[in-house]
Amino acid sequence: MSIDPIPFAAALAYLAAGAWLLRPQDDNAKPSAAVLVLVVLALLLHAWAHVRDWQMLHGPDLHFFAALSLVSLGMAALTSFAALSQRIQALGV
C-alpha cells in the first residue's frame, strides 16, 4: 500500500501549523507569517487532492469520507481566515 503524497503533505502542513499555534504567545499577538503560509499550503494541498480525485472520477466524489473531508476543508478555511481578523477564544487560537 502506497501513501498518496498530496493528502499526506496537507496533513503534515495542518499538523505543523497546529503545533506552531500551540506554542506560548502573547494574548494580543497576531499569527505570524510562517503559520499563515503553512495554513494556506495545507488548504491548497487539501483542495488539490479533492480536485485531482474529481478529475480521475469524472465528477465529484461524495461518499462519506470524501464528504467529511470536504466539510473539514471548509471549516479549516473559515476558521483560518476568521483567525486573521480576530482571536478565536474558544479554540485558544
C-alpha atoms as a PDB file:
ATOM      1  CA  MET A   1       0.000   0.000   0.000  1.00  0.00           C
ATOM      2  CA  SER A   2       1.473   3.338  -1.017  1.00  0.00           C
ATOM      3  CA  ILE A   3       0.771   6.677   0.599  1.00  0.00           C
ATOM      4  CA  ASP A   4      -0.581   9.426  -1.639  1.00  0.00           C
ATOM      5  CA  PRO A   5       1.851  12.349  -1.221  1.00  0.00           C
ATOM      6  CA  ILE A   6      -0.595  15.236  -1.668  1.00  0.00           C
ATOM      7  CA  PRO A   7      -3.000  14.456   1.221  1.00  0.00           C
ATOM      8  CA  PHE A   8      -0.030  13.347   3.315  1.00  0.00           C
ATOM      9  CA  ALA A   9       1.705  16.702   2.736  1.00  0.00           C
ATOM     10  CA  ALA A  10      -1.552  18.532   3.540  1.00  0.00           C
ATOM     11  CA  ALA A  11      -1.878  16.627   6.817  1.00  0.00           C
ATOM     12  CA  LEU A  12       1.742  17.424   7.710  1.00  0.00           C
ATOM     13  CA  ALA A  13       1.161  21.115   6.975  1.00  0.00           C
ATOM     14  CA  TYR A  14      -2.003  21.098   9.142  1.00  0.00           C
ATOM     15  CA  LEU A  15      -0.074  19.440  11.982  1.00  0.00           C
ATOM     16  CA  ALA A  16       2.843  21.861  11.674  1.00  0.00           C
ATOM     17  CA  ALA A  17       0.520  24.883  11.714  1.00  0.00           C
ATOM     18  CA  GLY A  18      -1.347  23.492  14.725  1.00  0.00           C
ATOM     19  CA  ALA A  19       1.892  22.834  16.583  1.00  0.00           C
ATOM     20  CA  TRP A  20       3.060  26.361  15.788  1.00  0.00           C
ATOM     21  CA  LEU A  21      -0.172  27.814  17.215  1.00  0.00           C
ATOM     22  CA  LEU A  22       0.078  25.729  20.387  1.00  0.00           C
ATOM     23  CA  ARG A  23       3.309  27.344  21.493  1.00  0.00           C
ATOM     24  CA  PRO A  24       3.015  30.102  24.145  1.00  0.00           C
ATOM     25  CA  GLN A  25       2.420  33.605  22.821  1.00  0.00           C
ATOM     26  CA  ASP A  26       1.118  37.000  23.905  1.00  0.00           C
ATOM     27  CA  ASP A  27      -2.628  37.449  24.276  1.00  0.00           C
ATOM     28  CA  ASN A  28      -2.836  40.142  21.592  1.00  0.00           C
ATOM     29  CA  ALA A  29      -0.309  38.652  19.184  1.00  0.00           C
ATOM     30  CA  LYS A  30      -1.344  38.235  15.574  1.00  0.00           C
ATOM     31  CA  PRO A  31      -0.470  34.969  13.800  1.00  0.00           C
ATOM     32  CA  SER A  32       2.978  35.093  12.229  1.00  0.00           C
ATOM     33  CA  ALA A  33       3.590  34.858   8.510  1.00  0.00           C
ATOM     34  CA  ALA A  34       5.083  31.368   8.889  1.00  0.00           C
ATOM     35  CA  VAL A  35       1.914  29.868  10.305  1.00  0.00           C
ATOM     36  CA  LEU A  36      -0.191  31.617   7.652  1.00  0.00           C
ATOM     37  CA  VAL A  37       1.995  30.117   4.928  1.00  0.00           C
ATOM     38  CA  LEU A  38       1.571  26.661   6.483  1.00  0.00           C
ATOM     39  CA  VAL A  39      -2.202  27.070   6.719  1.00  0.00           C
ATOM     40  CA  VAL A  40      -2.586  28.298   3.144  1.00  0.00           C
ATOM     41  CA  LEU A  41      -0.310  25.491   1.929  1.00  0.00           C
ATOM     42  CA  ALA A  42      -2.389  22.907   3.818  1.00  0.00           C
ATOM     43  CA  LEU A  43      -5.658  24.300   2.451  1.00  0.00           C
ATOM     44  CA  LEU A  44      -4.370  24.349  -1.124  1.00  0.00           C
ATOM     45  CA  LEU A  45      -2.970  20.819  -0.922  1.00  0.00           C
ATOM     46  CA  HIS A  46      -6.210  19.555   0.638  1.00  0.00           C
ATOM     47  CA  ALA A  47      -8.292  21.181  -2.108  1.00  0.00           C
ATOM     48  CA  TRP A  48      -5.888  19.911  -4.789  1.00  0.00           C
ATOM     49  CA  ALA A  49      -6.354  16.349  -3.563  1.00  0.00           C
ATOM     50  CA  HIS A  50     -10.130  16.670  -4.000  1.00  0.00           C
ATOM     51  CA  VAL A  51      -9.865  18.273  -7.431  1.00  0.00           C
ATOM     52  CA  ARG A  52      -7.488  15.554  -8.588  1.00  0.00           C
ATOM     53  CA  ASP A  53      -9.879  12.846  -7.355  1.00  0.00           C
ATOM     54  CA  TRP A  54     -12.798  14.530  -9.111  1.00  0.00           C
ATOM     55  CA  GLN A  55     -10.829  14.610 -12.344  1.00  0.00           C
ATOM     56  CA  MET A  56      -9.990  10.914 -12.075  1.00  0.00           C
ATOM     57  CA  LEU A  57     -13.630  10.016 -11.313  1.00  0.00           C
ATOM     58  CA  HIS A  58     -15.083  12.438 -13.930  1.00  0.00           C
ATOM     59  CA  GLY A  59     -17.254  14.064 -11.267  1.00  0.00           C
ATOM     60  CA  PRO A  60     -17.476  14.779  -7.560  1.00  0.00           C
ATOM     61  CA  ASP A  61     -16.696  12.034  -5.079  1.00  0.00           C
ATOM     62  CA  LEU A  62     -19.386  12.279  -2.416  1.00  0.00           C
ATOM     63  CA  HIS A  63     -19.034   9.110  -0.368  1.00  0.00           C
ATOM     64  CA  PHE A  64     -18.994   9.559   3.406  1.00  0.00           C
ATOM     65  CA  PHE A  65     -15.265  10.084   3.965  1.00  0.00           C
ATOM     66  CA  ALA A  66     -14.852  12.421   0.984  1.00  0.00           C
ATOM     67  CA  ALA A  67     -17.824  14.484   2.162  1.00  0.00           C
ATOM     68  CA  LEU A  68     -16.384  14.578   5.678  1.00  0.00           C
ATOM     69  CA  SER A  69     -13.067  15.729   4.234  1.00  0.00           C
ATOM     70  CA  LEU A  70     -14.796  18.497   2.239  1.00  0.00           C
ATOM     71  CA  VAL A  71     -16.584  19.716   5.375  1.00  0.00           C
ATOM     72  CA  SER A  72     -13.297  19.744   7.278  1.00  0.00           C
ATOM     73  CA  LEU A  73     -11.674  21.669   4.419  1.00  0.00           C
ATOM     74  CA  GLY A  74     -14.415  24.291   4.603  1.00  0.00           C
ATOM     75  CA  MET A  75     -14.206  24.525   8.393  1.00  0.00           C
ATOM     76  CA  ALA A  76     -10.407  24.816   8.277  1.00  0.00           C
ATOM     77  CA  ALA A  77     -10.667  27.613   5.710  1.00  0.00           C
ATOM     78  CA  LEU A  78     -13.339  29.510   7.649  1.00  0.00           C
ATOM     79  CA  THR A  79     -11.542  29.148  10.964  1.00  0.00           C
ATOM     80  CA  SER A  80      -8.193  30.154   9.482  1.00  0.00           C
ATOM     81  CA  PHE A  81      -9.489  33.247   7.761  1.00  0.00           C
ATOM     82  CA  ALA A  82     -11.584  34.260  10.802  1.00  0.00           C
ATOM     83  CA  ALA A  83      -8.436  33.972  12.928  1.00  0.00           C
ATOM     84  CA  LEU A  84      -6.742  36.543  10.691  1.00  0.00           C
ATOM     85  CA  SER A  85      -9.104  39.274  11.863  1.00  0.00           C
ATOM     86  CA  GLN A  86      -9.798  38.194  15.450  1.00  0.00           C
ATOM     87  CA  ARG A  87      -8.671  35.739  18.072  1.00  0.00           C
ATOM     88  CA  ILE A  88     -10.900  32.719  18.471  1.00  0.00           C
ATOM     89  CA  GLN A  89     -11.035  32.337  22.234  1.00  0.00           C
ATOM     90  CA  ALA A  90     -12.892  29.022  22.300  1.00  0.00           C
ATOM     91  CA  LEU A  91     -10.124  27.351  20.313  1.00  0.00           C
ATOM     92  CA  GLY A  92      -7.300  29.085  22.142  1.00  0.00           C
ATOM     93  CA  VAL A  93      -6.036  30.450  18.824  1.00  0.00           C
END
